[in-house]
Each structure stands twice: as structure tokens, then as C-alpha cells.
């Protein structure tokens, strides 16, 4: 078992992830959200990886508190978070408010791939090897 420390801000849990696409690498801060079916990244992050969400062929409908959204869906060549590496990882693109301290949301399409236990009191994640 491996433990990973999470960052707590305003009673929310965050982690870092390393994204690699072609020759670009970007480290991002993501909100861990078990209520989100998909992992969502900001347009700015995707553009910095030479991925333009406007050119993504796929679109995904998601239901949010503000209603139904249709977001571009693309793939990150390599997605590394919580000590786990996923290749060709699907993400959705969405605008993140300017000045936000988060680059996106780590959703269930990543979390459900692994056996993990969130400890909210200690702000840790335990993953089975």
C-alpha cells in the first residue's frame, strides 16, 4: 500500500498531476471530485500541451448544477496522478475562472480504475499496489 498526501483548501481535497503530450509536460493542480464522472482540464492547460479543444472531434454531454453542458473531449498521451500512470487518458475541456487556484477536476474516469481509500480527516489517499 502507498499513501499520498493531499492538499486541503476550504475543506476540499486537491492533488497534483503530471501531463505529457508529444514533447510537452505540464504539472497541474486538480480538485478531487468523486461527484464528477469525467476528468476536466482547463482550455489553457490543454493549449499549453499543443492540444486545441476547438479541434477535438468528440463532444460529451455532462449535467452540472448550472444545467447541461456539451464539452470537447480529447486524450492526453500520458496522465500521471497519485502514483498511477494512464496512457491515452480521456479528458474534457472547460473554462476555469481566471485567477482560480485549480487547473481542473480529477473525476471518476480516473479514480475508479484503482483500489483506493480516501481519508478525509488525514487528507491522504491509500492505493493498493
N, C-alpha and C. Protein backbone atom coordinates (compact mmCIF):
# COMPACT_ATOMS: atom_id res chain seq x y z
N UNK A 1 0.83 -1.19 0.00
CA UNK A 1 0.00 0.00 0.00
C UNK A 1 0.88 1.25 0.00
N UNK A 2 0.46 2.23 -0.77
CA UNK A 2 1.15 3.52 -0.80
C UNK A 2 0.19 4.60 -0.37
N UNK A 3 0.74 5.57 0.36
CA UNK A 3 -0.05 6.70 0.82
C UNK A 3 0.41 7.96 0.10
N UNK A 4 -0.55 8.81 -0.24
CA UNK A 4 -0.26 10.08 -0.88
C UNK A 4 -0.97 11.18 -0.11
N UNK A 5 -0.22 12.21 0.23
CA UNK A 5 -0.78 13.35 0.94
C UNK A 5 -1.48 14.27 -0.04
N UNK A 6 -2.65 14.74 0.35
CA UNK A 6 -3.43 15.66 -0.46
C UNK A 6 -3.34 17.07 0.13
N UNK A 7 -3.64 18.05 -0.66
CA UNK A 7 -3.70 19.44 -0.20
C UNK A 7 -5.15 19.75 0.14
N UNK A 8 -5.35 20.42 1.28
CA UNK A 8 -6.70 20.80 1.69
C UNK A 8 -6.83 22.33 1.61
N UNK A 9 -7.85 22.77 0.91
CA UNK A 9 -8.19 24.20 0.84
C UNK A 9 -9.69 24.33 0.91
N UNK A 10 -10.16 25.10 1.89
CA UNK A 10 -11.60 25.33 2.06
C UNK A 10 -12.36 24.01 2.15
N UNK A 11 -11.81 23.05 2.89
CA UNK A 11 -12.40 21.72 3.09
C UNK A 11 -12.53 20.90 1.82
N UNK A 12 -11.78 21.25 0.78
CA UNK A 12 -11.76 20.48 -0.46
C UNK A 12 -10.38 19.84 -0.61
N UNK A 13 -10.33 18.69 -1.28
CA UNK A 13 -9.07 17.95 -1.45
C UNK A 13 -8.53 18.15 -2.87
N UNK A 14 -7.21 18.41 -2.93
CA UNK A 14 -6.53 18.64 -4.20
C UNK A 14 -5.30 17.75 -4.30
N UNK A 15 -4.91 17.46 -5.54
CA UNK A 15 -3.68 16.74 -5.80
C UNK A 15 -3.03 17.31 -7.05
N UNK A 16 -1.79 16.95 -7.25
CA UNK A 16 -1.09 17.35 -8.47
C UNK A 16 -1.11 16.19 -9.46
N UNK A 17 -1.01 16.53 -10.72
CA UNK A 17 -0.90 15.53 -11.78
C UNK A 17 0.10 16.03 -12.80
N UNK A 18 0.83 15.11 -13.40
CA UNK A 18 1.76 15.44 -14.47
C UNK A 18 1.16 14.96 -15.78
N UNK A 19 1.08 15.86 -16.74
CA UNK A 19 0.50 15.54 -18.04
C UNK A 19 1.60 15.63 -19.08
N UNK A 20 1.61 14.66 -19.98
CA UNK A 20 2.59 14.68 -21.07
C UNK A 20 1.85 14.46 -22.37
N UNK A 21 2.13 15.32 -23.32
CA UNK A 21 1.57 15.15 -24.66
C UNK A 21 2.63 15.62 -25.65
N UNK A 22 2.98 14.74 -26.57
CA UNK A 22 4.07 14.99 -27.52
C UNK A 22 5.32 15.36 -26.74
N UNK A 23 5.88 16.53 -26.97
CA UNK A 23 7.12 16.92 -26.29
C UNK A 23 6.87 17.87 -25.12
N UNK A 24 5.63 18.02 -24.71
CA UNK A 24 5.29 18.96 -23.64
C UNK A 24 4.90 18.23 -22.37
N UNK A 25 5.33 18.79 -21.23
CA UNK A 25 4.97 18.26 -19.91
C UNK A 25 4.41 19.42 -19.10
N UNK A 26 3.36 19.15 -18.36
CA UNK A 26 2.74 20.19 -17.54
C UNK A 26 2.30 19.57 -16.21
N UNK A 27 2.63 20.21 -15.10
CA UNK A 27 2.16 19.79 -13.78
C UNK A 27 0.98 20.68 -13.43
N UNK A 28 -0.13 20.06 -13.03
CA UNK A 28 -1.36 20.80 -12.76
C UNK A 28 -1.89 20.46 -11.36
N UNK A 29 -2.73 21.35 -10.85
CA UNK A 29 -3.40 21.15 -9.57
C UNK A 29 -4.87 20.84 -9.85
N UNK A 30 -5.33 19.69 -9.34
CA UNK A 30 -6.68 19.23 -9.63
C UNK A 30 -7.48 19.03 -8.35
N UNK A 31 -8.74 19.40 -8.40
CA UNK A 31 -9.69 19.12 -7.33
C UNK A 31 -10.12 17.67 -7.47
N UNK A 32 -10.06 16.91 -6.39
CA UNK A 32 -10.54 15.52 -6.41
C UNK A 32 -12.05 15.57 -6.23
N UNK A 33 -12.79 15.06 -7.22
CA UNK A 33 -14.24 15.19 -7.22
C UNK A 33 -14.89 13.86 -7.59
N UNK A 34 -15.30 13.11 -6.57
CA UNK A 34 -15.96 11.82 -6.82
C UNK A 34 -17.37 12.02 -7.38
N UNK A 35 -17.85 13.24 -7.40
CA UNK A 35 -19.15 13.54 -8.00
C UNK A 35 -19.06 13.87 -9.48
N UNK A 36 -17.84 13.93 -10.00
CA UNK A 36 -17.63 14.22 -11.41
C UNK A 36 -17.32 12.92 -12.15
N UNK A 37 -18.11 12.61 -13.13
CA UNK A 37 -17.90 11.39 -13.91
C UNK A 37 -16.59 11.46 -14.69
N UNK A 38 -16.25 12.65 -15.17
CA UNK A 38 -15.09 12.82 -16.04
C UNK A 38 -14.05 13.74 -15.43
N UNK A 39 -12.81 13.56 -15.86
CA UNK A 39 -11.74 14.49 -15.52
C UNK A 39 -11.83 15.66 -16.50
N UNK A 40 -11.79 16.86 -15.95
CA UNK A 40 -11.95 18.08 -16.74
C UNK A 40 -10.70 18.94 -16.56
N UNK A 41 -10.15 19.42 -17.67
CA UNK A 41 -8.99 20.31 -17.64
C UNK A 41 -9.34 21.63 -18.31
N UNK A 42 -8.64 22.67 -17.88
CA UNK A 42 -8.89 23.98 -18.47
C UNK A 42 -8.38 24.02 -19.91
N UNK A 43 -8.98 24.89 -20.70
CA UNK A 43 -8.53 25.10 -22.08
C UNK A 43 -7.07 25.52 -22.07
N UNK A 44 -6.70 26.37 -21.12
CA UNK A 44 -5.33 26.90 -21.05
C UNK A 44 -4.33 25.76 -20.88
N UNK A 45 -4.63 24.80 -20.01
CA UNK A 45 -3.74 23.66 -19.80
C UNK A 45 -3.61 22.86 -21.08
N UNK A 46 -4.72 22.58 -21.72
CA UNK A 46 -4.69 21.79 -22.95
C UNK A 46 -3.93 22.52 -24.07
N UNK A 47 -4.15 23.81 -24.19
CA UNK A 47 -3.43 24.57 -25.21
C UNK A 47 -1.93 24.57 -24.95
N UNK A 48 -1.53 24.58 -23.66
CA UNK A 48 -0.10 24.56 -23.33
C UNK A 48 0.55 23.22 -23.71
N UNK A 49 -0.26 22.19 -23.90
CA UNK A 49 0.22 20.87 -24.33
C UNK A 49 0.11 20.67 -25.85
N UNK A 50 -0.18 21.77 -26.55
CA UNK A 50 -0.37 21.74 -28.01
C UNK A 50 -1.63 20.97 -28.39
N UNK A 51 -2.62 20.98 -27.53
CA UNK A 51 -3.92 20.38 -27.80
C UNK A 51 -4.94 21.51 -27.86
N UNK A 52 -5.64 21.64 -28.98
CA UNK A 52 -6.65 22.68 -29.11
C UNK A 52 -8.04 22.05 -29.00
N UNK A 53 -8.73 22.27 -27.88
CA UNK A 53 -10.05 21.67 -27.71
C UNK A 53 -11.04 22.01 -28.82
N UNK A 54 -10.86 23.14 -29.47
CA UNK A 54 -11.76 23.51 -30.56
C UNK A 54 -11.67 22.53 -31.73
N UNK A 55 -10.55 21.80 -31.82
CA UNK A 55 -10.37 20.84 -32.91
C UNK A 55 -10.74 19.41 -32.52
N UNK A 56 -11.09 19.18 -31.25
CA UNK A 56 -11.47 17.83 -30.81
C UNK A 56 -12.74 17.40 -31.56
N UNK A 57 -12.72 16.22 -32.14
CA UNK A 57 -13.87 15.73 -32.89
C UNK A 57 -15.01 15.29 -31.97
N UNK A 58 -14.67 14.76 -30.80
CA UNK A 58 -15.69 14.23 -29.89
C UNK A 58 -16.23 15.31 -28.97
N UNK A 59 -17.49 15.18 -28.62
CA UNK A 59 -18.15 16.04 -27.64
C UNK A 59 -18.86 15.14 -26.64
N UNK A 60 -18.91 15.60 -25.39
CA UNK A 60 -19.54 14.82 -24.32
C UNK A 60 -20.53 15.73 -23.59
N UNK A 61 -21.74 15.24 -23.39
CA UNK A 61 -22.75 15.99 -22.63
C UNK A 61 -22.59 15.65 -21.16
N UNK A 62 -22.54 16.69 -20.32
CA UNK A 62 -22.47 16.46 -18.88
C UNK A 62 -23.51 17.35 -18.20
N UNK A 63 -24.06 16.84 -17.12
CA UNK A 63 -25.04 17.59 -16.33
C UNK A 63 -24.33 18.21 -15.14
N UNK A 64 -24.46 19.52 -15.00
CA UNK A 64 -23.85 20.24 -13.88
C UNK A 64 -24.95 20.93 -13.09
N UNK A 65 -24.56 21.56 -11.99
CA UNK A 65 -25.53 22.32 -11.20
C UNK A 65 -26.12 23.47 -12.01
N UNK A 66 -25.40 23.92 -13.03
CA UNK A 66 -25.86 25.02 -13.88
C UNK A 66 -26.58 24.54 -15.14
N UNK A 67 -26.80 23.25 -15.26
CA UNK A 67 -27.50 22.71 -16.42
C UNK A 67 -26.63 21.82 -17.27
N UNK A 68 -27.13 21.49 -18.44
CA UNK A 68 -26.44 20.59 -19.36
C UNK A 68 -25.37 21.35 -20.15
N UNK A 69 -24.17 20.79 -20.19
CA UNK A 69 -23.07 21.35 -20.97
C UNK A 69 -22.61 20.31 -21.98
N UNK A 70 -22.18 20.77 -23.13
CA UNK A 70 -21.56 19.90 -24.13
C UNK A 70 -20.12 20.36 -24.26
N UNK A 71 -19.18 19.47 -23.85
CA UNK A 71 -17.77 19.84 -23.77
C UNK A 71 -16.93 19.02 -24.76
N UNK A 72 -15.86 19.62 -25.28
CA UNK A 72 -14.94 18.88 -26.15
C UNK A 72 -14.22 17.79 -25.34
N UNK A 73 -14.03 16.63 -25.98
CA UNK A 73 -13.33 15.51 -25.33
C UNK A 73 -12.12 15.12 -26.17
N UNK A 74 -10.96 15.03 -25.50
CA UNK A 74 -9.73 14.62 -26.17
C UNK A 74 -8.93 13.69 -25.28
N UNK A 75 -7.75 13.32 -25.74
CA UNK A 75 -6.89 12.40 -24.99
C UNK A 75 -5.55 13.04 -24.68
N UNK A 76 -5.09 12.77 -23.45
CA UNK A 76 -3.74 13.14 -23.03
C UNK A 76 -2.88 11.90 -23.24
N UNK A 77 -1.72 12.08 -23.86
CA UNK A 77 -0.83 10.96 -24.13
C UNK A 77 -0.48 10.18 -22.85
N UNK A 78 -0.07 10.91 -21.80
CA UNK A 78 0.28 10.28 -20.52
C UNK A 78 -0.25 11.14 -19.39
N UNK A 79 -1.00 10.53 -18.47
CA UNK A 79 -1.59 11.21 -17.33
C UNK A 79 -1.10 10.50 -16.07
N UNK A 80 -0.41 11.24 -15.20
CA UNK A 80 0.20 10.63 -14.01
C UNK A 80 -0.28 11.36 -12.76
N UNK A 81 -1.03 10.66 -11.90
CA UNK A 81 -1.54 11.26 -10.66
C UNK A 81 -1.60 10.17 -9.59
N UNK A 82 -1.36 10.59 -8.35
CA UNK A 82 -1.44 9.67 -7.21
C UNK A 82 -0.60 8.41 -7.44
N UNK A 83 0.54 8.58 -8.07
CA UNK A 83 1.45 7.47 -8.31
C UNK A 83 1.00 6.51 -9.39
N UNK A 84 -0.06 6.86 -10.11
CA UNK A 84 -0.62 5.98 -11.14
C UNK A 84 -0.48 6.64 -12.50
N UNK A 85 -0.09 5.85 -13.50
CA UNK A 85 0.10 6.35 -14.85
C UNK A 85 -0.94 5.74 -15.78
N UNK A 86 -1.61 6.59 -16.52
CA UNK A 86 -2.60 6.12 -17.50
C UNK A 86 -2.23 6.71 -18.86
N UNK A 87 -2.14 5.85 -19.85
CA UNK A 87 -1.84 6.30 -21.20
C UNK A 87 -3.13 6.51 -21.97
N UNK A 88 -3.09 7.48 -22.91
CA UNK A 88 -4.25 7.81 -23.74
C UNK A 88 -5.48 8.07 -22.87
N UNK A 89 -5.31 8.97 -21.93
CA UNK A 89 -6.35 9.24 -20.93
C UNK A 89 -7.34 10.30 -21.45
N UNK A 90 -8.65 9.97 -21.46
CA UNK A 90 -9.64 10.92 -21.95
C UNK A 90 -9.95 12.02 -20.94
N UNK A 91 -10.02 13.25 -21.43
CA UNK A 91 -10.35 14.41 -20.60
C UNK A 91 -11.33 15.30 -21.35
N UNK A 92 -12.06 16.08 -20.58
CA UNK A 92 -12.95 17.08 -21.15
C UNK A 92 -12.32 18.46 -20.97
N UNK A 93 -12.63 19.38 -21.87
CA UNK A 93 -12.12 20.75 -21.79
C UNK A 93 -13.24 21.67 -21.33
N UNK A 94 -12.91 22.56 -20.39
CA UNK A 94 -13.89 23.53 -19.91
C UNK A 94 -13.15 24.78 -19.43
N UNK A 95 -13.81 25.90 -19.45
CA UNK A 95 -13.18 27.13 -18.96
C UNK A 95 -13.14 27.10 -17.44
N UNK A 96 -12.01 27.50 -16.89
CA UNK A 96 -11.81 27.60 -15.45
C UNK A 96 -11.69 29.10 -15.16
N UNK A 97 -12.40 29.61 -14.15
CA UNK A 97 -12.36 31.05 -13.89
C UNK A 97 -10.94 31.59 -13.74
N UNK A 98 -10.70 32.75 -14.32
CA UNK A 98 -9.41 33.41 -14.23
C UNK A 98 -9.05 33.64 -12.76
N UNK A 99 -7.83 33.36 -12.39
CA UNK A 99 -7.40 33.55 -11.01
C UNK A 99 -7.69 32.34 -10.13
N UNK A 100 -8.30 31.33 -10.71
CA UNK A 100 -8.59 30.12 -9.95
C UNK A 100 -7.29 29.43 -9.57
N UNK A 101 -7.28 28.77 -8.42
CA UNK A 101 -6.09 28.06 -7.96
C UNK A 101 -6.13 26.59 -8.36
N UNK A 102 -6.96 26.27 -9.31
CA UNK A 102 -7.10 24.89 -9.75
C UNK A 102 -7.10 24.87 -11.28
N UNK A 103 -6.51 23.80 -11.83
CA UNK A 103 -6.43 23.66 -13.29
C UNK A 103 -7.49 22.74 -13.85
N UNK A 104 -8.28 22.12 -12.95
CA UNK A 104 -9.31 21.20 -13.40
C UNK A 104 -9.79 20.32 -12.27
N UNK A 105 -10.46 19.24 -12.68
CA UNK A 105 -11.10 18.31 -11.75
C UNK A 105 -10.65 16.89 -12.07
N UNK A 106 -10.22 16.17 -11.05
CA UNK A 106 -9.88 14.75 -11.20
C UNK A 106 -11.15 13.95 -10.92
N UNK A 107 -11.71 13.37 -11.96
CA UNK A 107 -13.02 12.72 -11.85
C UNK A 107 -12.94 11.20 -11.76
N UNK A 108 -14.12 10.62 -11.76
CA UNK A 108 -14.25 9.18 -11.58
C UNK A 108 -13.66 8.36 -12.73
N UNK A 109 -13.54 8.93 -13.93
CA UNK A 109 -12.93 8.13 -15.01
C UNK A 109 -11.46 7.82 -14.71
N UNK A 110 -10.85 8.56 -13.78
CA UNK A 110 -9.52 8.20 -13.29
C UNK A 110 -9.63 7.39 -12.01
N UNK A 111 -10.38 7.87 -11.04
CA UNK A 111 -10.42 7.27 -9.70
C UNK A 111 -10.91 5.83 -9.70
N UNK A 112 -11.90 5.50 -10.53
CA UNK A 112 -12.48 4.16 -10.50
C UNK A 112 -11.57 3.08 -11.09
N UNK A 113 -10.46 3.46 -11.66
CA UNK A 113 -9.51 2.49 -12.23
C UNK A 113 -8.70 1.78 -11.16
N UNK A 114 -8.72 2.29 -9.92
CA UNK A 114 -7.81 1.81 -8.88
C UNK A 114 -8.56 1.49 -7.59
N UNK A 115 -7.93 0.62 -6.79
CA UNK A 115 -8.44 0.36 -5.45
C UNK A 115 -7.81 1.41 -4.55
N UNK A 116 -8.65 2.29 -4.03
CA UNK A 116 -8.13 3.39 -3.21
C UNK A 116 -9.06 3.70 -2.07
N UNK A 117 -8.48 4.31 -1.06
CA UNK A 117 -9.23 4.72 0.11
C UNK A 117 -8.86 6.16 0.44
N UNK A 118 -9.88 7.03 0.47
CA UNK A 118 -9.67 8.42 0.83
C UNK A 118 -9.86 8.58 2.33
N UNK A 119 -8.90 9.19 2.99
CA UNK A 119 -9.02 9.51 4.41
C UNK A 119 -9.16 11.03 4.50
N UNK A 120 -10.37 11.49 4.69
CA UNK A 120 -10.64 12.91 4.69
C UNK A 120 -10.02 13.61 5.89
N UNK A 121 -10.04 12.95 7.03
CA UNK A 121 -9.50 13.56 8.24
C UNK A 121 -8.00 13.79 8.14
N UNK A 122 -7.27 12.83 7.57
CA UNK A 122 -5.82 12.94 7.44
C UNK A 122 -5.40 13.52 6.08
N UNK A 123 -6.35 13.73 5.19
CA UNK A 123 -6.09 14.24 3.84
C UNK A 123 -5.05 13.39 3.12
N UNK A 124 -5.33 12.07 3.09
CA UNK A 124 -4.45 11.14 2.38
C UNK A 124 -5.29 10.22 1.49
N UNK A 125 -4.61 9.65 0.52
CA UNK A 125 -5.17 8.59 -0.31
C UNK A 125 -4.27 7.39 -0.15
N UNK A 126 -4.89 6.23 0.04
CA UNK A 126 -4.13 4.99 0.12
C UNK A 126 -4.49 4.17 -1.11
N UNK A 127 -3.46 3.74 -1.83
CA UNK A 127 -3.67 2.97 -3.05
C UNK A 127 -3.04 1.59 -2.90
N UNK A 128 -3.75 0.57 -3.37
CA UNK A 128 -3.19 -0.77 -3.41
C UNK A 128 -2.23 -0.86 -4.57
N UNK A 129 -1.13 -1.56 -4.37
CA UNK A 129 -0.13 -1.72 -5.43
C UNK A 129 -0.61 -2.69 -6.48
